[in-house]
């Protein structure tokens, strides 16, 4: 634990200088670079906390008396019953101690997190990879650290300036007392802002939750943004909520866009942006009903003869929309 705290303190000392830089945290070429080494700090054992406080002393003593009576009815003497109860308690504590030694658990969490995130990119195949764990150290130093059973842990100001975020993490044993852990990952950016993500589950799977949330956060289309549509560049400005929004009618959606000094996309633009998808700068239609200009709607599931319909042809209480320029 002490060596992890020393590493974390060293890292945060570097970050003080890192976050004091005056430039904005703007990803390079649309990509966000994160240092691949993630220091973890072990939090409180929430299982033991729950176990200690879920019963009053009276309730605990009552359970112990019931257990002793059961042993006595089974033929044990009073002395034997007392010894058995003590042995059972010691065995439980010993098993918990072995299971929670937490040696190298931080390495497992870091490695599985990066593996799950890479798997999302391999499976979903976005046009541009917007999130990357980037080694700013030379390869030989990484190899030497691995050969010595260590993770790469050296950073200086020059190396920090090549990154967009530093990640730090924490983990605690979950209160369900079934071997789950509660994990948090906090990203600290160049200008000091933070992004936090949390997961709860078995050690071998919990990081898939955080990888999914982080992939969505960084890879999903942001508003405003620009994208090529045909021979023109279209600016996506979102709805009144700054993202894909809902309106009670296509006419109201058009008024919202006019308020934002934009317009509703045409049917062809909706189709092209759907082709890009949520992970490559576009917006997926997902068989929802979308608002179009001139009071019409786009219903992807009504393809014959055309998904462009009048309002009365679809049964919808609300319409999705976003605005463009």
C-alpha atoms as a PDB file:
ATOM      1  CA  UNK A   1       0.000   0.000   0.000  1.00  0.00           C
ATOM      2  CA  UNK A   2       2.784   2.425   0.915  1.00  0.00           C
ATOM      3  CA  UNK A   3       4.585   2.122  -2.416  1.00  0.00           C
ATOM      4  CA  UNK A   4       1.310   2.777  -4.259  1.00  0.00           C
ATOM      5  CA  UNK A   5       0.726   5.903  -2.178  1.00  0.00           C
ATOM      6  CA  UNK A   6       4.271   7.109  -2.867  1.00  0.00           C
ATOM      7  CA  UNK A   7       3.739   6.636  -6.603  1.00  0.00           C
ATOM      8  CA  UNK A   8       0.391   8.428  -6.414  1.00  0.00           C
ATOM      9  CA  UNK A   9       1.833  11.364  -4.474  1.00  0.00           C
ATOM     10  CA  UNK A  10       4.668  11.644  -7.015  1.00  0.00           C
ATOM     11  CA  UNK A  11       2.182  11.577  -9.857  1.00  0.00           C
ATOM     12  CA  UNK A  12      -0.059  14.233  -8.296  1.00  0.00           C
ATOM     13  CA  UNK A  13       2.992  16.439  -7.712  1.00  0.00           C
ATOM     14  CA  UNK A  14       3.722  16.256 -11.425  1.00  0.00           C
ATOM     15  CA  UNK A  15       0.057  16.966 -12.179  1.00  0.00           C
ATOM     16  CA  UNK A  16       0.187  20.192 -10.179  1.00  0.00           C
ATOM     17  CA  UNK A  17       2.576  21.527 -12.764  1.00  0.00           C
ATOM     18  CA  UNK A  18       0.730  19.677 -15.532  1.00  0.00           C
ATOM     19  CA  UNK A  19      -2.637  21.316 -14.786  1.00  0.00           C
ATOM     20  CA  UNK A  20      -1.123  24.762 -14.316  1.00  0.00           C
ATOM     21  CA  UNK A  21      -0.348  25.017 -18.018  1.00  0.00           C
ATOM     22  CA  UNK A  22      -2.276  27.779 -19.764  1.00  0.00           C
ATOM     23  CA  UNK A  23      -3.170  25.858 -22.936  1.00  0.00           C
ATOM     24  CA  UNK A  24      -6.560  24.176 -23.274  1.00  0.00           C
ATOM     25  CA  UNK A  25      -7.088  20.441 -23.093  1.00  0.00           C
ATOM     26  CA  UNK A  26      -7.642  20.041 -26.839  1.00  0.00           C
ATOM     27  CA  UNK A  27      -7.055  16.500 -28.172  1.00  0.00           C
ATOM     28  CA  UNK A  28      -4.586  16.211 -31.017  1.00  0.00           C
ATOM     29  CA  UNK A  29      -6.197  15.285 -34.381  1.00  0.00           C
ATOM     30  CA  UNK A  30      -9.404  14.410 -32.526  1.00  0.00           C
ATOM     31  CA  UNK A  31      -7.636  11.792 -30.382  1.00  0.00           C
ATOM     32  CA  UNK A  32      -7.371  11.807 -26.600  1.00  0.00           C
ATOM     33  CA  UNK A  33      -4.114  10.379 -25.218  1.00  0.00           C
ATOM     34  CA  UNK A  34      -4.027   8.814 -21.743  1.00  0.00           C
ATOM     35  CA  UNK A  35      -0.994   7.534 -19.860  1.00  0.00           C
ATOM     36  CA  UNK A  36      -1.273   3.708 -19.804  1.00  0.00           C
ATOM     37  CA  UNK A  37      -0.087   3.318 -16.194  1.00  0.00           C
ATOM     38  CA  UNK A  38      -2.990   3.686 -13.739  1.00  0.00           C
ATOM     39  CA  UNK A  39      -2.047   3.937 -10.043  1.00  0.00           C
ATOM     40  CA  UNK A  40      -4.737   2.371  -7.824  1.00  0.00           C
ATOM     41  CA  UNK A  41      -5.409   3.064  -4.152  1.00  0.00           C
ATOM     42  CA  UNK A  42      -7.315   0.502  -2.099  1.00  0.00           C
ATOM     43  CA  UNK A  43     -10.369   1.948  -0.375  1.00  0.00           C
ATOM     44  CA  UNK A  44     -12.308   0.677   2.620  1.00  0.00           C
ATOM     45  CA  UNK A  45     -13.584  -2.901   2.789  1.00  0.00           C
ATOM     46  CA  UNK A  46     -17.303  -2.232   2.403  1.00  0.00           C
ATOM     47  CA  UNK A  47     -18.088  -5.899   2.979  1.00  0.00           C
ATOM     48  CA  UNK A  48     -16.544  -5.820   6.473  1.00  0.00           C
ATOM     49  CA  UNK A  49     -18.183  -2.451   7.098  1.00  0.00           C
ATOM     50  CA  UNK A  50     -21.605  -3.851   6.252  1.00  0.00           C
ATOM     51  CA  UNK A  51     -20.910  -7.025   8.215  1.00  0.00           C
ATOM     52  CA  UNK A  52     -19.925  -4.986  11.274  1.00  0.00           C
ATOM     53  CA  UNK A  53     -22.871  -2.584  11.210  1.00  0.00           C
ATOM     54  CA  UNK A  54     -25.750  -4.600   9.771  1.00  0.00           C
ATOM     55  CA  UNK A  55     -26.428  -6.082  13.240  1.00  0.00           C
ATOM     56  CA  UNK A  56     -26.627  -4.524  16.667  1.00  0.00           C
ATOM     57  CA  UNK A  57     -24.591  -6.102  19.456  1.00  0.00           C
ATOM     58  CA  UNK A  58     -27.811  -7.611  20.862  1.00  0.00           C
ATOM     59  CA  UNK A  59     -28.672  -9.198  17.485  1.00  0.00           C
ATOM     60  CA  UNK A  60     -25.134 -10.528  17.122  1.00  0.00           C
ATOM     61  CA  UNK A  61     -25.168 -12.086  20.588  1.00  0.00           C
ATOM     62  CA  UNK A  62     -28.597 -13.586  19.900  1.00  0.00           C
ATOM     63  CA  UNK A  63     -27.300 -15.276  16.740  1.00  0.00           C
ATOM     64  CA  UNK A  64     -24.282 -16.622  18.639  1.00  0.00           C
ATOM     65  CA  UNK A  65     -26.555 -18.047  21.348  1.00  0.00           C
ATOM     66  CA  UNK A  66     -28.750 -19.722  18.707  1.00  0.00           C
ATOM     67  CA  UNK A  67     -25.672 -21.252  17.063  1.00  0.00           C
ATOM     68  CA  UNK A  68     -24.403 -22.502  20.445  1.00  0.00           C
ATOM     69  CA  UNK A  69     -27.804 -24.053  21.244  1.00  0.00           C
ATOM     70  CA  UNK A  70     -27.790 -25.861  17.901  1.00  0.00           C
ATOM     71  CA  UNK A  71     -24.367 -27.338  18.678  1.00  0.00           C
ATOM     72  CA  UNK A  72     -25.483 -28.390  22.169  1.00  0.00           C
ATOM     73  CA  UNK A  73     -28.559 -30.124  20.754  1.00  0.00           C
ATOM     74  CA  UNK A  74     -26.244 -31.979  18.367  1.00  0.00           C
ATOM     75  CA  UNK A  75     -24.364 -33.446  21.337  1.00  0.00           C
ATOM     76  CA  UNK A  76     -21.515 -31.004  21.863  1.00  0.00           C
ATOM     77  CA  UNK A  77     -20.593 -30.003  25.404  1.00  0.00           C
ATOM     78  CA  UNK A  78     -20.637 -26.351  26.419  1.00  0.00           C
ATOM     79  CA  UNK A  79     -16.849 -26.143  26.170  1.00  0.00           C
ATOM     80  CA  UNK A  80     -16.832 -27.856  22.772  1.00  0.00           C
ATOM     81  CA  UNK A  81     -19.584 -25.579  21.464  1.00  0.00           C
ATOM     82  CA  UNK A  82     -17.591 -22.508  22.527  1.00  0.00           C
ATOM     83  CA  UNK A  83     -14.430 -23.834  20.883  1.00  0.00           C
ATOM     84  CA  UNK A  84     -16.281 -24.671  17.648  1.00  0.00           C
ATOM     85  CA  UNK A  85     -17.810 -21.197  17.414  1.00  0.00           C
ATOM     86  CA  UNK A  86     -14.380 -19.642  17.938  1.00  0.00           C
ATOM     87  CA  UNK A  87     -12.860 -21.927  15.294  1.00  0.00           C
ATOM     88  CA  UNK A  88     -15.567 -21.072  12.768  1.00  0.00           C
ATOM     89  CA  UNK A  89     -14.999 -17.347  13.309  1.00  0.00           C
ATOM     90  CA  UNK A  90     -11.241 -17.754  12.932  1.00  0.00           C
ATOM     91  CA  UNK A  91     -11.631 -19.772   9.721  1.00  0.00           C
ATOM     92  CA  UNK A  92     -13.927 -17.145   8.212  1.00  0.00           C
ATOM     93  CA  UNK A  93     -11.538 -14.306   9.107  1.00  0.00           C
ATOM     94  CA  UNK A  94      -8.572 -16.299   7.768  1.00  0.00           C
ATOM     95  CA  UNK A  95     -10.308 -16.965   4.425  1.00  0.00           C
ATOM     96  CA  UNK A  96     -11.246 -13.306   4.105  1.00  0.00           C
ATOM     97  CA  UNK A  97      -7.656 -12.275   4.862  1.00  0.00           C
ATOM     98  CA  UNK A  98      -6.312 -14.583   2.143  1.00  0.00           C
ATOM     99  CA  UNK A  99      -8.864 -13.383  -0.418  1.00  0.00           C
ATOM    100  CA  UNK A 100      -8.219  -9.695   0.296  1.00  0.00           C
ATOM    101  CA  UNK A 101      -4.439  -9.613   0.256  1.00  0.00           C
ATOM    102  CA  UNK A 102      -4.959  -7.589  -2.961  1.00  0.00           C
ATOM    103  CA  UNK A 103      -1.490  -8.421  -4.291  1.00  0.00           C
ATOM    104  CA  UNK A 104      -1.331  -7.342  -7.929  1.00  0.00           C
ATOM    105  CA  UNK A 105      -5.061  -6.670  -8.128  1.00  0.00           C
ATOM    106  CA  UNK A 106      -4.226  -3.183  -9.396  1.00  0.00           C
ATOM    107  CA  UNK A 107      -2.266  -4.737 -12.273  1.00  0.00           C
ATOM    108  CA  UNK A 108      -5.228  -6.982 -13.130  1.00  0.00           C
ATOM    109  CA  UNK A 109      -7.650  -4.051 -13.107  1.00  0.00           C
ATOM    110  CA  UNK A 110      -5.411  -1.920 -15.300  1.00  0.00           C
ATOM    111  CA  UNK A 111      -4.697  -4.707 -17.799  1.00  0.00           C
ATOM    112  CA  UNK A 112      -8.286  -5.902 -18.157  1.00  0.00           C
ATOM    113  CA  UNK A 113      -9.507  -2.317 -18.496  1.00  0.00           C
ATOM    114  CA  UNK A 114      -7.215  -1.626 -21.447  1.00  0.00           C
ATOM    115  CA  UNK A 115      -7.997  -5.008 -23.000  1.00  0.00           C
ATOM    116  CA  UNK A 116     -11.775  -4.433 -22.790  1.00  0.00           C
ATOM    117  CA  UNK A 117     -11.442  -0.950 -24.263  1.00  0.00           C
ATOM    118  CA  UNK A 118      -9.342  -2.230 -27.171  1.00  0.00           C
ATOM    119  CA  UNK A 119     -11.919  -4.969 -27.749  1.00  0.00           C
ATOM    120  CA  UNK A 120     -14.663  -2.349 -28.132  1.00  0.00           C
ATOM    121  CA  UNK A 121     -12.616  -0.644 -30.824  1.00  0.00           C
ATOM    122  CA  UNK A 122     -11.961  -3.925 -32.641  1.00  0.00           C
ATOM    123  CA  UNK A 123     -15.645  -4.902 -32.517  1.00  0.00           C
ATOM    124  CA  UNK A 124     -17.252  -1.534 -33.359  1.00  0.00           C
ATOM    125  CA  UNK A 125     -14.559  -0.301 -35.802  1.00  0.00           C
ATOM    126  CA  UNK A 126     -15.080   3.493 -35.743  1.00  0.00           C
ATOM    127  CA  UNK A 127     -13.473   5.476 -38.560  1.00  0.00           C
ATOM    128  CA  UNK A 128     -11.332   7.463 -36.106  1.00  0.00           C
ATOM    129  CA  UNK A 129     -10.067   6.150 -32.774  1.00  0.00           C
ATOM    130  CA  UNK A 130     -10.678   9.018 -30.348  1.00  0.00           C
ATOM    131  CA  UNK A 131      -9.279   7.424 -27.182  1.00  0.00           C
ATOM    132  CA  UNK A 132      -5.854   5.857 -26.859  1.00  0.00           C
ATOM    133  CA  UNK A 133      -3.488   4.732 -24.123  1.00  0.00           C
ATOM    134  CA  UNK A 134      -0.201   6.186 -25.266  1.00  0.00           C
ATOM    135  CA  UNK A 135       3.265   5.245 -24.035  1.00  0.00           C
ATOM    136  CA  UNK A 136       5.305   8.440 -23.968  1.00  0.00           C
ATOM    137  CA  UNK A 137       8.371   6.623 -22.597  1.00  0.00           C
ATOM    138  CA  UNK A 138      10.841   4.941 -24.898  1.00  0.00           C
ATOM    139  CA  UNK A 139      10.145   1.274 -25.615  1.00  0.00           C
ATOM    140  CA  UNK A 140      13.327   0.038 -23.920  1.00  0.00           C
ATOM    141  CA  UNK A 141      12.329   1.578 -20.580  1.00  0.00           C
ATOM    142  CA  UNK A 142       8.934  -0.124 -20.842  1.00  0.00           C
ATOM    143  CA  UNK A 143      10.617  -3.479 -21.562  1.00  0.00           C
ATOM    144  CA  UNK A 144      13.075  -3.050 -18.689  1.00  0.00           C
ATOM    145  CA  UNK A 145      10.263  -2.243 -16.256  1.00  0.00           C
ATOM    146  CA  UNK A 146       8.332  -5.330 -17.385  1.00  0.00           C
ATOM    147  CA  UNK A 147      11.395  -7.555 -17.007  1.00  0.00           C
ATOM    148  CA  UNK A 148      11.787  -6.275 -13.457  1.00  0.00           C
ATOM    149  CA  UNK A 149       8.166  -7.086 -12.628  1.00  0.00           C
ATOM    150  CA  UNK A 150       7.222  -3.404 -12.601  1.00  0.00           C
ATOM    151  CA  UNK A 151       4.908  -1.105 -14.512  1.00  0.00           C
ATOM    152  CA  UNK A 152       6.203   1.937 -16.301  1.00  0.00           C
ATOM    153  CA  UNK A 153       6.031   4.699 -13.731  1.00  0.00           C
ATOM    154  CA  UNK A 154       8.370   7.494 -14.831  1.00  0.00           C
ATOM    155  CA  UNK A 155       6.977  10.823 -15.991  1.00  0.00           C
ATOM    156  CA  UNK A 156       8.427  14.300 -16.175  1.00  0.00           C
ATOM    157  CA  UNK A 157       6.983  17.611 -17.353  1.00  0.00           C
ATOM    158  CA  UNK A 158       8.100  17.126 -20.945  1.00  0.00           C
ATOM    159  CA  UNK A 159       6.449  13.702 -21.146  1.00  0.00           C
ATOM    160  CA  UNK A 160       3.290  14.938 -19.424  1.00  0.00           C
ATOM    161  CA  UNK A 161       2.868  17.622 -22.070  1.00  0.00           C
ATOM    162  CA  UNK A 162       2.390  14.877 -24.668  1.00  0.00           C
ATOM    163  CA  UNK A 163      -0.704  13.559 -22.868  1.00  0.00           C
ATOM    164  CA  UNK A 164      -4.279  14.779 -22.493  1.00  0.00           C
ATOM    165  CA  UNK A 165      -5.200  12.869 -19.335  1.00  0.00           C
ATOM    166  CA  UNK A 166      -3.660  10.991 -16.441  1.00  0.00           C
ATOM    167  CA  UNK A 167      -5.803   8.226 -14.912  1.00  0.00           C
ATOM    168  CA  UNK A 168      -5.896   7.275 -11.233  1.00  0.00           C
ATOM    169  CA  UNK A 169      -8.116   4.618  -9.699  1.00  0.00           C
ATOM    170  CA  UNK A 170      -9.472   3.187  -6.484  1.00  0.00           C
ATOM    171  CA  UNK A 171     -11.094  -0.100  -5.567  1.00  0.00           C
ATOM    172  CA  UNK A 172     -13.025  -1.381  -2.564  1.00  0.00           C
ATOM    173  CA  UNK A 173     -14.555  -4.702  -1.707  1.00  0.00           C
ATOM    174  CA  UNK A 174     -18.280  -4.394  -2.431  1.00  0.00           C
ATOM    175  CA  UNK A 175     -20.886  -4.554   0.350  1.00  0.00           C
ATOM    176  CA  UNK A 176     -22.636  -7.613  -1.140  1.00  0.00           C
ATOM    177  CA  UNK A 177     -19.790  -9.761   0.316  1.00  0.00           C
ATOM    178  CA  UNK A 178     -19.825 -12.047  -2.743  1.00  0.00           C
ATOM    179  CA  UNK A 179     -16.375 -11.299  -4.103  1.00  0.00           C
ATOM    180  CA  UNK A 180     -17.396  -8.171  -6.057  1.00  0.00           C
ATOM    181  CA  UNK A 181     -15.329  -5.006  -6.059  1.00  0.00           C
ATOM    182  CA  UNK A 182     -16.291  -1.369  -6.520  1.00  0.00           C
ATOM    183  CA  UNK A 183     -13.871   0.406  -8.869  1.00  0.00           C
ATOM    184  CA  UNK A 184     -13.564   4.068  -9.815  1.00  0.00           C
ATOM    185  CA  UNK A 185     -11.380   5.620 -12.499  1.00  0.00           C
ATOM    186  CA  UNK A 186     -10.743   9.351 -12.479  1.00  0.00           C
ATOM    187  CA  UNK A 187      -9.191  11.152 -15.450  1.00  0.00           C
ATOM    188  CA  UNK A 188      -7.337  14.389 -14.714  1.00  0.00           C
ATOM    189  CA  UNK A 189      -6.939  16.652 -17.736  1.00  0.00           C
ATOM    190  CA  UNK A 190      -4.377  19.233 -18.731  1.00  0.00           C
ATOM    191  CA  UNK A 191      -6.345  22.135 -17.352  1.00  0.00           C
ATOM    192  CA  UNK A 192      -7.292  20.316 -14.162  1.00  0.00           C
ATOM    193  CA  UNK A 193     -10.793  19.165 -15.094  1.00  0.00           C
ATOM    194  CA  UNK A 194     -11.798  15.614 -14.144  1.00  0.00           C
ATOM    195  CA  UNK A 195     -13.959  12.850 -15.580  1.00  0.00           C
ATOM    196  CA  UNK A 196     -14.956   9.956 -13.303  1.00  0.00           C
ATOM    197  CA  UNK A 197     -16.293   6.486 -14.097  1.00  0.00           C
ATOM    198  CA  UNK A 198     -17.451   3.701 -11.773  1.00  0.00           C
ATOM    199  CA  UNK A 199     -18.085  -0.041 -12.049  1.00  0.00           C
ATOM    200  CA  UNK A 200     -19.168  -2.810  -9.685  1.00  0.00           C
ATOM    201  CA  UNK A 201     -18.687  -6.542 -10.253  1.00  0.00           C
ATOM    202  CA  UNK A 202     -16.306  -9.490 -10.243  1.00  0.00           C
ATOM    203  CA  UNK A 203     -12.626  -8.538 -10.587  1.00  0.00           C
ATOM    204  CA  UNK A 204     -12.287 -10.203 -14.000  1.00  0.00           C
ATOM    205  CA  UNK A 205     -15.331  -8.395 -15.450  1.00  0.00           C
ATOM    206  CA  UNK A 206     -15.775  -5.115 -13.589  1.00  0.00           C
ATOM    207  CA  UNK A 207     -13.489  -3.111 -15.875  1.00  0.00           C
ATOM    208  CA  UNK A 208     -15.651  -3.936 -18.900  1.00  0.00           C
ATOM    209  CA  UNK A 209     -18.305  -1.633 -17.397  1.00  0.00           C
ATOM    210  CA  UNK A 210     -15.868   1.261 -17.083  1.00  0.00           C
ATOM    211  CA  UNK A 211     -14.397   0.591 -20.533  1.00  0.00           C
ATOM    212  CA  UNK A 212     -17.906   0.731 -22.032  1.00  0.00           C
ATOM    213  CA  UNK A 213     -18.740   4.012 -20.286  1.00  0.00           C
ATOM    214  CA  UNK A 214     -15.425   5.593 -21.245  1.00  0.00           C
ATOM    215  CA  UNK A 215     -15.708   4.422 -24.872  1.00  0.00           C
ATOM    216  CA  UNK A 216     -19.184   5.946 -25.125  1.00  0.00           C
ATOM    217  CA  UNK A 217     -18.123   9.193 -23.463  1.00  0.00           C
ATOM    218  CA  UNK A 218     -15.175   9.843 -25.760  1.00  0.00           C
ATOM    219  CA  UNK A 219     -16.219   8.129 -28.981  1.00  0.00           C
ATOM    220  CA  UNK A 220     -19.872   9.140 -29.303  1.00  0.00           C
ATOM    221  CA  UNK A 221     -20.670  12.118 -31.535  1.00  0.00           C
ATOM    222  CA  UNK A 222     -20.427  15.414 -29.689  1.00  0.00           C
ATOM    223  CA  UNK A 223     -22.368  18.588 -30.405  1.00  0.00           C
ATOM    224  CA  UNK A 224     -21.299  20.906 -31.883  1.00  0.00           C
ATOM    225  CA  UNK A 225     -19.097  19.119 -34.418  1.00  0.00           C
ATOM    226  CA  UNK A 226     -18.489  19.174 -38.148  1.00  0.00           C
ATOM    227  CA  UNK A 227     -18.668  16.351 -40.663  1.00  0.00           C
ATOM    228  CA  UNK A 228     -18.452  15.908 -44.419  1.00  0.00           C
ATOM    229  CA  UNK A 229     -21.807  15.319 -46.123  1.00  0.00           C
ATOM    230  CA  UNK A 230     -21.522  15.050 -49.885  1.00  0.00           C
ATOM    231  CA  UNK A 231     -19.528  18.020 -51.164  1.00  0.00           C
ATOM    232  CA  UNK A 232     -20.291  20.213 -48.145  1.00  0.00           C
ATOM    233  CA  UNK A 233     -19.304  20.317 -44.490  1.00  0.00           C
ATOM    234  CA  UNK A 234     -22.239  20.142 -42.120  1.00  0.00           C
ATOM    235  CA  UNK A 235     -22.121  21.488 -38.561  1.00  0.00           C
ATOM    236  CA  UNK A 236     -24.129  19.439 -36.065  1.00  0.00           C
ATOM    237  CA  UNK A 237     -25.362  21.730 -33.296  1.00  0.00           C
ATOM    238  CA  UNK A 238     -27.819  19.376 -31.543  1.00  0.00           C
ATOM    239  CA  UNK A 239     -31.171  20.295 -30.058  1.00  0.00           C
ATOM    240  CA  UNK A 240     -32.158  22.600 -27.228  1.00  0.00           C
ATOM    241  CA  UNK A 241     -30.473  20.227 -24.760  1.00  0.00           C
ATOM    242  CA  UNK A 242     -27.174  20.325 -26.684  1.00  0.00           C
ATOM    243  CA  UNK A 243     -27.581  16.789 -28.029  1.00  0.00           C
ATOM    244  CA  UNK A 244     -30.255  14.671 -29.703  1.00  0.00           C
ATOM    245  CA  UNK A 245     -33.495  16.023 -28.256  1.00  0.00           C
ATOM    246  CA  UNK A 246     -37.270  15.425 -28.392  1.00  0.00           C
ATOM    247  CA  UNK A 247     -40.144  17.634 -29.541  1.00  0.00           C
ATOM    248  CA  UNK A 248     -43.916  17.218 -29.517  1.00  0.00           C
ATOM    249  CA  UNK A 249     -44.147  17.952 -33.238  1.00  0.00           C
ATOM    250  CA  UNK A 250     -41.879  18.447 -36.283  1.00  0.00           C
ATOM    251  CA  UNK A 251     -43.022  22.071 -36.448  1.00  0.00           C
ATOM    252  CA  UNK A 252     -41.881  22.677 -32.857  1.00  0.00           C
ATOM    253  CA  UNK A 253     -38.552  20.987 -33.591  1.00  0.00           C
ATOM    254  CA  UNK A 254     -38.099  23.347 -36.565  1.00  0.00           C
ATOM    255  CA  UNK A 255     -38.785  26.339 -34.311  1.00  0.00           C
ATOM    256  CA  UNK A 256     -36.207  25.083 -31.819  1.00  0.00           C
ATOM    257  CA  UNK A 257     -33.613  24.842 -34.597  1.00  0.00           C
ATOM    258  CA  UNK A 258     -34.464  28.349 -35.827  1.00  0.00           C
ATOM    259  CA  UNK A 259     -33.916  29.607 -32.275  1.00  0.00           C
ATOM    260  CA  UNK A 260     -30.453  28.004 -32.373  1.00  0.00           C
ATOM    261  CA  UNK A 261     -29.810  29.650 -35.773  1.00  0.00           C
ATOM    262  CA  UNK A 262     -29.906  26.264 -37.458  1.00  0.00           C
ATOM    263  CA  UNK A 263     -32.345  24.014 -39.299  1.00  0.00           C
ATOM    264  CA  UNK A 264     -33.589  20.444 -39.307  1.00  0.00           C
ATOM    265  CA  UNK A 265     -31.549  18.075 -41.502  1.00  0.00           C
ATOM    266  CA  UNK A 266     -33.067  16.814 -44.729  1.00  0.00           C
ATOM    267  CA  UNK A 267     -33.973  13.159 -45.227  1.00  0.00           C
ATOM    268  CA  UNK A 268     -30.814  12.607 -47.284  1.00  0.00           C
ATOM    269  CA  UNK A 269     -28.657  14.213 -44.582  1.00  0.00           C
ATOM    270  CA  UNK A 270     -30.275  12.036 -41.925  1.00  0.00           C
ATOM    271  CA  UNK A 271     -29.456   8.940 -43.992  1.00  0.00           C
ATOM    272  CA  UNK A 272     -25.829   9.929 -44.565  1.00  0.00           C
ATOM    273  CA  UNK A 273     -25.287  10.765 -40.893  1.00  0.00           C
ATOM    274  CA  UNK A 274     -26.913   7.454 -39.972  1.00  0.00           C
ATOM    275  CA  UNK A 275     -24.356   5.800 -42.246  1.00  0.00           C
ATOM    276  CA  UNK A 276     -21.547   7.379 -40.233  1.00  0.00           C
ATOM    277  CA  UNK A 277     -23.113   6.098 -37.009  1.00  0.00           C
ATOM    278  CA  UNK A 278     -22.757   7.301 -33.429  1.00  0.00           C
ATOM    279  CA  UNK A 279     -19.103   6.228 -33.152  1.00  0.00           C
ATOM    280  CA  UNK A 280     -17.822   7.941 -36.320  1.00  0.00           C
ATOM    281  CA  UNK A 281     -19.220  11.454 -36.102  1.00  0.00           C
ATOM    282  CA  UNK A 282     -22.805  10.800 -37.211  1.00  0.00           C
ATOM    283  CA  UNK A 283     -26.131  10.011 -35.552  1.00  0.00           C
ATOM    284  CA  UNK A 284     -27.782   6.590 -35.711  1.00  0.00           C
ATOM    285  CA  UNK A 285     -31.531   6.578 -36.464  1.00  0.00           C
ATOM    286  CA  UNK A 286     -32.257   3.375 -34.469  1.00  0.00           C
ATOM    287  CA  UNK A 287     -35.797   2.883 -35.832  1.00  0.00           C
ATOM    288  CA  UNK A 288     -37.068   6.020 -34.097  1.00  0.00           C
ATOM    289  CA  UNK A 289     -39.306   8.674 -35.629  1.00  0.00           C
ATOM    290  CA  UNK A 290     -37.371  11.839 -36.570  1.00  0.00           C
ATOM    291  CA  UNK A 291     -38.551  15.354 -37.349  1.00  0.00           C
ATOM    292  CA  UNK A 292     -38.026  16.681 -40.883  1.00  0.00           C
ATOM    293  CA  UNK A 293     -38.538  20.158 -42.366  1.00  0.00           C
ATOM    294  CA  UNK A 294     -42.004  21.236 -43.531  1.00  0.00           C
ATOM    295  CA  UNK A 295     -43.826  19.254 -40.845  1.00  0.00           C
ATOM    296  CA  UNK A 296     -42.885  15.850 -42.216  1.00  0.00           C
ATOM    297  CA  UNK A 297     -41.238  12.930 -40.386  1.00  0.00           C
ATOM    298  CA  UNK A 298     -38.695  10.223 -41.105  1.00  0.00           C
ATOM    299  CA  UNK A 299     -39.639   6.688 -39.963  1.00  0.00           C
ATOM    300  CA  UNK A 300     -36.807   4.241 -40.819  1.00  0.00           C
ATOM    301  CA  UNK A 301     -39.021   1.184 -40.241  1.00  0.00           C
ATOM    302  CA  UNK A 302     -41.527   2.305 -42.918  1.00  0.00           C
ATOM    303  CA  UNK A 303     -39.432   1.754 -46.036  1.00  0.00           C
ATOM    304  CA  UNK A 304     -42.152   1.070 -48.592  1.00  0.00           C
ATOM    305  CA  UNK A 305     -42.509   3.255 -50.550  1.00  0.00           C
ATOM    306  CA  UNK A 306     -40.397   5.725 -48.503  1.00  0.00           C
ATOM    307  CA  UNK A 307     -39.489   6.403 -44.863  1.00  0.00           C
ATOM    308  CA  UNK A 308     -40.430  10.069 -45.404  1.00  0.00           C
ATOM    309  CA  UNK A 309     -44.011  10.379 -44.171  1.00  0.00           C
ATOM    310  CA  UNK A 310     -46.697  12.768 -43.063  1.00  0.00           C
ATOM    311  CA  UNK A 311     -47.335  13.023 -39.336  1.00  0.00           C
ATOM    312  CA  UNK A 312     -50.678  11.217 -39.498  1.00  0.00           C
ATOM    313  CA  UNK A 313     -48.987   8.157 -41.048  1.00  0.00           C
ATOM    314  CA  UNK A 314     -47.018   7.341 -37.911  1.00  0.00           C
ATOM    315  CA  UNK A 315     -48.152   6.738 -34.366  1.00  0.00           C
ATOM    316  CA  UNK A 316     -45.791   8.944 -32.368  1.00  0.00           C
ATOM    317  CA  UNK A 317     -46.237  11.128 -29.292  1.00  0.00           C
ATOM    318  CA  UNK A 318     -42.832  12.760 -29.705  1.00  0.00           C
ATOM    319  CA  UNK A 319     -40.188  13.165 -32.368  1.00  0.00           C
ATOM    320  CA  UNK A 320     -36.420  13.008 -32.111  1.00  0.00           C
ATOM    321  CA  UNK A 321     -34.463  15.811 -33.705  1.00  0.00           C
ATOM    322  CA  UNK A 322     -31.142  17.595 -33.881  1.00  0.00           C
ATOM    323  CA  UNK A 323     -30.219  20.772 -35.679  1.00  0.00           C
ATOM    324  CA  UNK A 324     -27.585  21.484 -38.301  1.00  0.00           C
ATOM    325  CA  UNK A 325     -26.039  24.471 -40.042  1.00  0.00           C
END
